[in-house]
Amino acid sequence: MVRQTSAQPPRSKNAKITCQQITALILDYVTGELDAETALAFKAHLRECPDCIAFLGTYQKTVQAARSLRYESIPLEMRRW
């Protein structure tokens, strides 16, 4: 299911996506939930913006680190949160 976000992605192939929109759409991009046109605009922005490339890399590493955690390895006092 393609999710609609408040980031208002570009409506035409010539429209540019902003760094702020990248930030708002990053979860949908990583999970493959962007529509094709928005995904293309997202990738086009990444080709031109080293800051957003770095942000995406950091985001992906954070997700990987969180997924590698096991409930049993979390201290008891932290499990109550």
PDB file of N, CA and C in Angstrom:
ATOM      1  N   MET A   1       0.839  -1.180   0.000  1.00  0.00           N
ATOM      2  CA  MET A   1       0.000   0.000   0.000  1.00  0.00           C
ATOM      3  C   MET A   1       0.885   1.244   0.000  1.00  0.00           C
ATOM      4  N   VAL A   2       0.632   2.164  -0.896  1.00  0.00           N
ATOM      5  CA  VAL A   2       1.405   3.392  -0.972  1.00  0.00           C
ATOM      6  C   VAL A   2       0.799   4.394  -0.002  1.00  0.00           C
ATOM      7  N   ARG A   3       1.650   4.911   0.852  1.00  0.00           N
ATOM      8  CA  ARG A   3       1.209   5.814   1.905  1.00  0.00           C
ATOM      9  C   ARG A   3       1.304   7.266   1.433  1.00  0.00           C
ATOM     10  N   GLN A   4       0.308   8.067   1.757  1.00  0.00           N
ATOM     11  CA  GLN A   4       0.360   9.501   1.490  1.00  0.00           C
ATOM     12  C   GLN A   4       1.001  10.178   2.685  1.00  0.00           C
ATOM     13  N   THR A   5       1.892  11.116   2.433  1.00  0.00           N
ATOM     14  CA  THR A   5       2.545  11.822   3.526  1.00  0.00           C
ATOM     15  C   THR A   5       2.259  13.305   3.412  1.00  0.00           C
ATOM     16  N   SER A   6       2.590  14.041   4.458  1.00  0.00           N
ATOM     17  CA  SER A   6       2.390  15.483   4.450  1.00  0.00           C
ATOM     18  C   SER A   6       3.514  16.210   3.735  1.00  0.00           C
ATOM     19  N   ALA A   7       4.463  15.487   3.175  1.00  0.00           N
ATOM     20  CA  ALA A   7       5.616  16.118   2.542  1.00  0.00           C
ATOM     21  C   ALA A   7       5.287  16.692   1.163  1.00  0.00           C
ATOM     22  N   GLN A   8       4.132  16.376   0.629  1.00  0.00           N
ATOM     23  CA  GLN A   8       3.726  16.846  -0.687  1.00  0.00           C
ATOM     24  C   GLN A   8       4.803  16.626  -1.739  1.00  0.00           C
ATOM     25  N   PRO A   9       4.970  15.399  -2.199  1.00  0.00           N
ATOM     26  CA  PRO A   9       5.981  15.109  -3.203  1.00  0.00           C
ATOM     27  C   PRO A   9       5.666  15.811  -4.521  1.00  0.00           C
ATOM     28  N   PRO A  10       6.628  15.912  -5.408  1.00  0.00           N
ATOM     29  CA  PRO A  10       6.419  16.575  -6.692  1.00  0.00           C
ATOM     30  C   PRO A  10       5.304  15.916  -7.490  1.00  0.00           C
ATOM     31  N   ARG A  11       4.580  16.715  -8.233  1.00  0.00           N
ATOM     32  CA  ARG A  11       3.470  16.194  -9.033  1.00  0.00           C
ATOM     33  C   ARG A  11       3.837  15.991 -10.503  1.00  0.00           C
ATOM     34  N   SER A  12       4.969  16.488 -10.940  1.00  0.00           N
ATOM     35  CA  SER A  12       5.383  16.265 -12.317  1.00  0.00           C
ATOM     36  C   SER A  12       6.825  15.796 -12.339  1.00  0.00           C
ATOM     37  N   LYS A  13       7.222  15.162 -13.419  1.00  0.00           N
ATOM     38  CA  LYS A  13       8.569  14.617 -13.514  1.00  0.00           C
ATOM     39  C   LYS A  13       9.639  15.699 -13.477  1.00  0.00           C
ATOM     40  N   ASN A  14       9.277  16.918 -13.831  1.00  0.00           N
ATOM     41  CA  ASN A  14      10.245  18.011 -13.845  1.00  0.00           C
ATOM     42  C   ASN A  14      10.372  18.707 -12.492  1.00  0.00           C
ATOM     43  N   ALA A  15       9.477  18.411 -11.568  1.00  0.00           N
ATOM     44  CA  ALA A  15       9.506  19.063 -10.257  1.00  0.00           C
ATOM     45  C   ALA A  15      10.666  18.522  -9.437  1.00  0.00           C
ATOM     46  N   LYS A  16      11.244  19.383  -8.641  1.00  0.00           N
ATOM     47  CA  LYS A  16      12.352  18.982  -7.777  1.00  0.00           C
ATOM     48  C   LYS A  16      11.832  18.734  -6.372  1.00  0.00           C
ATOM     49  N   ILE A  17      12.486  17.824  -5.696  1.00  0.00           N
ATOM     50  CA  ILE A  17      12.154  17.518  -4.311  1.00  0.00           C
ATOM     51  C   ILE A  17      13.180  18.229  -3.431  1.00  0.00           C
ATOM     52  N   THR A  18      12.753  18.688  -2.272  1.00  0.00           N
ATOM     53  CA  THR A  18      13.640  19.439  -1.382  1.00  0.00           C
ATOM     54  C   THR A  18      14.244  18.533  -0.310  1.00  0.00           C
ATOM     55  N   CYS A  19      15.272  19.046   0.361  1.00  0.00           N
ATOM     56  CA  CYS A  19      15.882  18.307   1.474  1.00  0.00           C
ATOM     57  C   CYS A  19      14.841  18.059   2.574  1.00  0.00           C
ATOM     58  N   GLN A  20      13.984  19.024   2.815  1.00  0.00           N
ATOM     59  CA  GLN A  20      12.939  18.862   3.833  1.00  0.00           C
ATOM     60  C   GLN A  20      11.994  17.727   3.442  1.00  0.00           C
ATOM     61  N   GLN A  21      11.656  17.620   2.164  1.00  0.00           N
ATOM     62  CA  GLN A  21      10.794  16.536   1.717  1.00  0.00           C
ATOM     63  C   GLN A  21      11.506  15.188   1.819  1.00  0.00           C
ATOM     64  N   ILE A  22      12.800  15.172   1.539  1.00  0.00           N
ATOM     65  CA  ILE A  22      13.584  13.937   1.692  1.00  0.00           C
ATOM     66  C   ILE A  22      13.451  13.429   3.123  1.00  0.00           C
ATOM     67  N   THR A  23      13.619  14.336   4.076  1.00  0.00           N
ATOM     68  CA  THR A  23      13.526  13.974   5.493  1.00  0.00           C
ATOM     69  C   THR A  23      12.153  13.390   5.816  1.00  0.00           C
ATOM     70  N   ALA A  24      11.108  13.994   5.279  1.00  0.00           N
ATOM     71  CA  ALA A  24       9.750  13.531   5.567  1.00  0.00           C
ATOM     72  C   ALA A  24       9.415  12.214   4.865  1.00  0.00           C
ATOM     73  N   LEU A  25      10.056  11.948   3.747  1.00  0.00           N
ATOM     74  CA  LEU A  25       9.729  10.759   2.948  1.00  0.00           C
ATOM     75  C   LEU A  25      10.670   9.588   3.157  1.00  0.00           C
ATOM     76  N   ILE A  26      11.689   9.755   3.965  1.00  0.00           N
ATOM     77  CA  ILE A  26      12.750   8.750   4.050  1.00  0.00           C
ATOM     78  C   ILE A  26      12.252   7.383   4.515  1.00  0.00           C
ATOM     79  N   LEU A  27      11.347   7.339   5.462  1.00  0.00           N
ATOM     80  CA  LEU A  27      10.824   6.048   5.922  1.00  0.00           C
ATOM     81  C   LEU A  27      10.109   5.333   4.784  1.00  0.00           C
ATOM     82  N   ASP A  28       9.269   6.057   4.064  1.00  0.00           N
ATOM     83  CA  ASP A  28       8.552   5.445   2.947  1.00  0.00           C
ATOM     84  C   ASP A  28       9.509   4.983   1.850  1.00  0.00           C
ATOM     85  N   TYR A  29      10.591   5.718   1.633  1.00  0.00           N
ATOM     86  CA  TYR A  29      11.593   5.318   0.641  1.00  0.00           C
ATOM     87  C   TYR A  29      12.280   4.018   1.069  1.00  0.00           C
ATOM     88  N   VAL A  30      12.736   3.975   2.307  1.00  0.00           N
ATOM     89  CA  VAL A  30      13.465   2.804   2.815  1.00  0.00           C
ATOM     90  C   VAL A  30      12.581   1.556   2.807  1.00  0.00           C
ATOM     91  N   THR A  31      11.288   1.726   3.090  1.00  0.00           N
ATOM     92  CA  THR A  31      10.379   0.579   3.132  1.00  0.00           C
ATOM     93  C   THR A  31       9.738   0.283   1.778  1.00  0.00           C
ATOM     94  N   GLY A  32      10.098   1.067   0.751  1.00  0.00           N
ATOM     95  CA  GLY A  32       9.575   0.818  -0.591  1.00  0.00           C
ATOM     96  C   GLY A  32       8.129   1.223  -0.777  1.00  0.00           C
ATOM     97  N   GLU A  33       7.654   2.166   0.015  1.00  0.00           N
ATOM     98  CA  GLU A  33       6.245   2.554  -0.047  1.00  0.00           C
ATOM     99  C   GLU A  33       5.979   3.845  -0.825  1.00  0.00           C
ATOM    100  N   LEU A  34       7.000   4.411  -1.460  1.00  0.00           N
ATOM    101  CA  LEU A  34       6.767   5.603  -2.280  1.00  0.00           C
ATOM    102  C   LEU A  34       6.207   5.196  -3.634  1.00  0.00           C
ATOM    103  N   ASP A  35       5.336   6.034  -4.190  1.00  0.00           N
ATOM    104  CA  ASP A  35       4.889   5.774  -5.553  1.00  0.00           C
ATOM    105  C   ASP A  35       6.077   5.970  -6.487  1.00  0.00           C
ATOM    106  N   ALA A  36       5.983   5.440  -7.683  1.00  0.00           N
ATOM    107  CA  ALA A  36       7.116   5.423  -8.616  1.00  0.00           C
ATOM    108  C   ALA A  36       7.627   6.824  -8.940  1.00  0.00           C
ATOM    109  N   GLU A  37       6.735   7.775  -9.176  1.00  0.00           N
ATOM    110  CA  GLU A  37       7.154   9.125  -9.537  1.00  0.00           C
ATOM    111  C   GLU A  37       7.906   9.807  -8.399  1.00  0.00           C
ATOM    112  N   THR A  38       7.414   9.648  -7.180  1.00  0.00           N
ATOM    113  CA  THR A  38       8.077  10.254  -6.034  1.00  0.00           C
ATOM    114  C   THR A  38       9.416   9.573  -5.771  1.00  0.00           C
ATOM    115  N   ALA A  39       9.479   8.253  -5.940  1.00  0.00           N
ATOM    116  CA  ALA A  39      10.740   7.535  -5.756  1.00  0.00           C
ATOM    117  C   ALA A  39      11.787   8.021  -6.757  1.00  0.00           C
ATOM    118  N   LEU A  40      11.382   8.280  -7.988  1.00  0.00           N
ATOM    119  CA  LEU A  40      12.316   8.801  -8.991  1.00  0.00           C
ATOM    120  C   LEU A  40      12.818  10.183  -8.609  1.00  0.00           C
ATOM    121  N   ALA A  41      11.922  11.039  -8.123  1.00  0.00           N
ATOM    122  CA  ALA A  41      12.323  12.384  -7.692  1.00  0.00           C
ATOM    123  C   ALA A  41      13.254  12.292  -6.484  1.00  0.00           C
ATOM    124  N   PHE A  42      12.968  11.361  -5.576  1.00  0.00           N
ATOM    125  CA  PHE A  42      13.799  11.132  -4.393  1.00  0.00           C
ATOM    126  C   PHE A  42      15.216  10.754  -4.831  1.00  0.00           C
ATOM    127  N   LYS A  43      15.316   9.784  -5.740  1.00  0.00           N
ATOM    128  CA  LYS A  43      16.623   9.322  -6.217  1.00  0.00           C
ATOM    129  C   LYS A  43      17.362  10.420  -6.975  1.00  0.00           C
ATOM    130  N   ALA A  44      16.632  11.217  -7.746  1.00  0.00           N
ATOM    131  CA  ALA A  44      17.258  12.320  -8.484  1.00  0.00           C
ATOM    132  C   ALA A  44      17.860  13.331  -7.511  1.00  0.00           C
ATOM    133  N   HIS A  45      17.159  13.612  -6.422  1.00  0.00           N
ATOM    134  CA  HIS A  45      17.678  14.534  -5.422  1.00  0.00           C
ATOM    135  C   HIS A  45      18.950  13.964  -4.787  1.00  0.00           C
ATOM    136  N   LEU A  46      18.934  12.681  -4.494  1.00  0.00           N
ATOM    137  CA  LEU A  46      20.114  12.056  -3.888  1.00  0.00           C
ATOM    138  C   LEU A  46      21.338  12.153  -4.787  1.00  0.00           C
ATOM    139  N   ARG A  47      21.137  12.096  -6.093  1.00  0.00           N
ATOM    140  CA  ARG A  47      22.272  12.199  -7.015  1.00  0.00           C
ATOM    141  C   ARG A  47      22.944  13.568  -6.935  1.00  0.00           C
ATOM    142  N   GLU A  48      22.210  14.566  -6.445  1.00  0.00           N
ATOM    143  CA  GLU A  48      22.722  15.936  -6.415  1.00  0.00           C
ATOM    144  C   GLU A  48      23.031  16.459  -5.011  1.00  0.00           C
ATOM    145  N   CYS A  49      22.712  15.700  -3.970  1.00  0.00           N
ATOM    146  CA  CYS A  49      22.807  16.244  -2.613  1.00  0.00           C
ATOM    147  C   CYS A  49      23.586  15.318  -1.678  1.00  0.00           C
ATOM    148  N   PRO A  50      24.868  15.609  -1.466  1.00  0.00           N
ATOM    149  CA  PRO A  50      25.666  14.749  -0.580  1.00  0.00           C
ATOM    150  C   PRO A  50      25.168  14.756   0.865  1.00  0.00           C
ATOM    151  N   ASP A  51      24.549  15.837   1.305  1.00  0.00           N
ATOM    152  CA  ASP A  51      24.015  15.876   2.677  1.00  0.00           C
ATOM    153  C   ASP A  51      22.880  14.876   2.846  1.00  0.00           C
ATOM    154  N   CYS A  52      21.996  14.788   1.858  1.00  0.00           N
ATOM    155  CA  CYS A  52      20.883  13.836   1.955  1.00  0.00           C
ATOM    156  C   CYS A  52      21.358  12.397   1.785  1.00  0.00           C
ATOM    157  N   ILE A  53      22.411  12.192   0.984  1.00  0.00           N
ATOM    158  CA  ILE A  53      23.006  10.854   0.870  1.00  0.00           C
ATOM    159  C   ILE A  53      23.538  10.421   2.235  1.00  0.00           C
ATOM    160  N   ALA A  54      24.231  11.329   2.914  1.00  0.00           N
ATOM    161  CA  ALA A  54      24.775  11.022   4.245  1.00  0.00           C
ATOM    162  C   ALA A  54      23.647  10.759   5.236  1.00  0.00           C
ATOM    163  N   PHE A  55      22.581  11.554   5.164  1.00  0.00           N
ATOM    164  CA  PHE A  55      21.440  11.370   6.065  1.00  0.00           C
ATOM    165  C   PHE A  55      20.791  10.007   5.836  1.00  0.00           C
ATOM    166  N   LEU A  56      20.609   9.639   4.576  1.00  0.00           N
ATOM    167  CA  LEU A  56      20.029   8.338   4.249  1.00  0.00           C
ATOM    168  C   LEU A  56      20.908   7.207   4.771  1.00  0.00           C
ATOM    169  N   GLY A  57      22.209   7.323   4.590  1.00  0.00           N
ATOM    170  CA  GLY A  57      23.126   6.295   5.080  1.00  0.00           C
ATOM    171  C   GLY A  57      23.049   6.143   6.586  1.00  0.00           C
ATOM    172  N   THR A  58      23.022   7.255   7.284  1.00  0.00           N
ATOM    173  CA  THR A  58      22.909   7.229   8.748  1.00  0.00           C
ATOM    174  C   THR A  58      21.586   6.610   9.171  1.00  0.00           C
ATOM    175  N   TYR A  59      20.515   6.972   8.486  1.00  0.00           N
ATOM    176  CA  TYR A  59      19.184   6.439   8.793  1.00  0.00           C
ATOM    177  C   TYR A  59      19.171   4.920   8.606  1.00  0.00           C
ATOM    178  N   GLN A  60      19.714   4.463   7.495  1.00  0.00           N
ATOM    179  CA  GLN A  60      19.734   3.022   7.224  1.00  0.00           C
ATOM    180  C   GLN A  60      20.572   2.266   8.256  1.00  0.00           C
ATOM    181  N   LYS A  61      21.705   2.823   8.659  1.00  0.00           N
ATOM    182  CA  LYS A  61      22.537   2.173   9.674  1.00  0.00           C
ATOM    183  C   LYS A  61      21.834   2.143  11.033  1.00  0.00           C
ATOM    184  N   THR A  62      21.085   3.186  11.339  1.00  0.00           N
ATOM    185  CA  THR A  62      20.338   3.223  12.598  1.00  0.00           C
ATOM    186  C   THR A  62      19.268   2.136  12.609  1.00  0.00           C
ATOM    187  N   VAL A  63      18.567   1.983  11.501  1.00  0.00           N
ATOM    188  CA  VAL A  63      17.544   0.932  11.394  1.00  0.00           C
ATOM    189  C   VAL A  63      18.195  -0.442  11.542  1.00  0.00           C
ATOM    190  N   GLN A  64      19.325  -0.650  10.874  1.00  0.00           N
ATOM    191  CA  GLN A  64      20.026  -1.942  10.981  1.00  0.00           C
ATOM    192  C   GLN A  64      20.461  -2.221  12.415  1.00  0.00           C
ATOM    193  N   ALA A  65      20.981  -1.206  13.090  1.00  0.00           N
ATOM    194  CA  ALA A  65      21.420  -1.383  14.478  1.00  0.00           C
ATOM    195  C   ALA A  65      20.245  -1.725  15.380  1.00  0.00           C
ATOM    196  N   ALA A  66      19.139  -1.033  15.195  1.00  0.00           N
ATOM    197  CA  ALA A  66      17.959  -1.300  16.026  1.00  0.00           C
ATOM    198  C   ALA A  66      17.420  -2.707  15.778  1.00  0.00           C
ATOM    199  N   ARG A  67      17.439  -3.140  14.525  1.00  0.00           N
ATOM    200  CA  ARG A  67      16.953  -4.494  14.203  1.00  0.00           C
ATOM    201  C   ARG A  67      17.854  -5.574  14.758  1.00  0.00           C
ATOM    202  N   SER A  68      19.127  -5.269  14.980  1.00  0.00           N
ATOM    203  CA  SER A  68      20.050  -6.280  15.485  1.00  0.00           C
ATOM    204  C   SER A  68      19.918  -6.495  16.994  1.00  0.00           C
ATOM    205  N   LEU A  69      19.236  -5.596  17.675  1.00  0.00           N
ATOM    206  CA  LEU A  69      19.056  -5.735  19.120  1.00  0.00           C
ATOM    207  C   LEU A  69      18.118  -6.889  19.436  1.00  0.00           C
ATOM    208  N   ARG A  70      18.405  -7.584  20.476  1.00  0.00           N
ATOM    209  CA  ARG A  70      17.550  -8.679  20.932  1.00  0.00           C
ATOM    210  C   ARG A  70      16.961  -8.289  22.284  1.00  0.00           C
ATOM    211  N   TYR A  71      15.709  -8.595  22.469  1.00  0.00           N
ATOM    212  CA  TYR A  71      15.010  -8.246  23.702  1.00  0.00           C
ATOM    213  C   TYR A  71      15.782  -8.748  24.915  1.00  0.00           C
ATOM    214  N   GLU A  72      16.323  -9.921  24.833  1.00  0.00           N
ATOM    215  CA  GLU A  72      17.021 -10.524  25.960  1.00  0.00           C
ATOM    216  C   GLU A  72      18.272  -9.734  26.345  1.00  0.00           C
ATOM    217  N   SER A  73      18.839  -8.992  25.415  1.00  0.00           N
ATOM    218  CA  SER A  73      20.062  -8.243  25.713  1.00  0.00           C
ATOM    219  C   SER A  73      19.775  -6.856  26.302  1.00  0.00           C
ATOM    220  N   ILE A  74      18.522  -6.473  26.355  1.00  0.00           N
ATOM    221  CA  ILE A  74      18.160  -5.172  26.919  1.00  0.00           C
ATOM    222  C   ILE A  74      18.112  -5.307  28.445  1.00  0.00           C
ATOM    223  N   PRO A  75      18.783  -4.417  29.178  1.00  0.00           N
ATOM    224  CA  PRO A  75      18.751  -4.482  30.652  1.00  0.00           C
ATOM    225  C   PRO A  75      17.312  -4.426  31.173  1.00  0.00           C
ATOM    226  N   LEU A  76      17.054  -5.158  32.263  1.00  0.00           N
ATOM    227  CA  LEU A  76      15.706  -5.230  32.832  1.00  0.00           C
ATOM    228  C   LEU A  76      15.091  -3.859  33.085  1.00  0.00           C
ATOM    229  N   GLU A  77      15.917  -2.927  33.619  1.00  0.00           N
ATOM    230  CA  GLU A  77      15.360  -1.605  33.924  1.00  0.00           C
ATOM    231  C   GLU A  77      14.910  -0.842  32.675  1.00  0.00           C
ATOM    232  N   MET A  78      15.442  -1.202  31.512  1.00  0.00           N
ATOM    233  CA  MET A  78      15.042  -0.549  30.263  1.00  0.00           C
ATOM    234  C   MET A  78      13.814  -1.215  29.628  1.00  0.00           C
ATOM    235  N   ARG A  79      13.543  -2.440  29.951  1.00  0.00           N
ATOM    236  CA  ARG A  79      12.423  -3.157  29.363  1.00  0.00           C
ATOM    237  C   ARG A  79      11.087  -2.595  29.809  1.00  0.00           C
ATOM    238  N   ARG A  80      11.041  -1.930  30.930  1.00  0.00           N
ATOM    239  CA  ARG A  80       9.769  -1.395  31.446  1.00  0.00           C
ATOM    240  C   ARG A  80       9.294  -0.174  30.669  1.00  0.00           C
ATOM    241  N   TRP A  81      10.142   0.442  29.881  1.00  0.00           N
ATOM    242  CA  TRP A  81       9.755   1.645  29.140  1.00  0.00           C
ATOM    243  C   TRP A  81       8.903   1.224  28.038  1.00  0.00           C
TER     244      TRP A  81
END
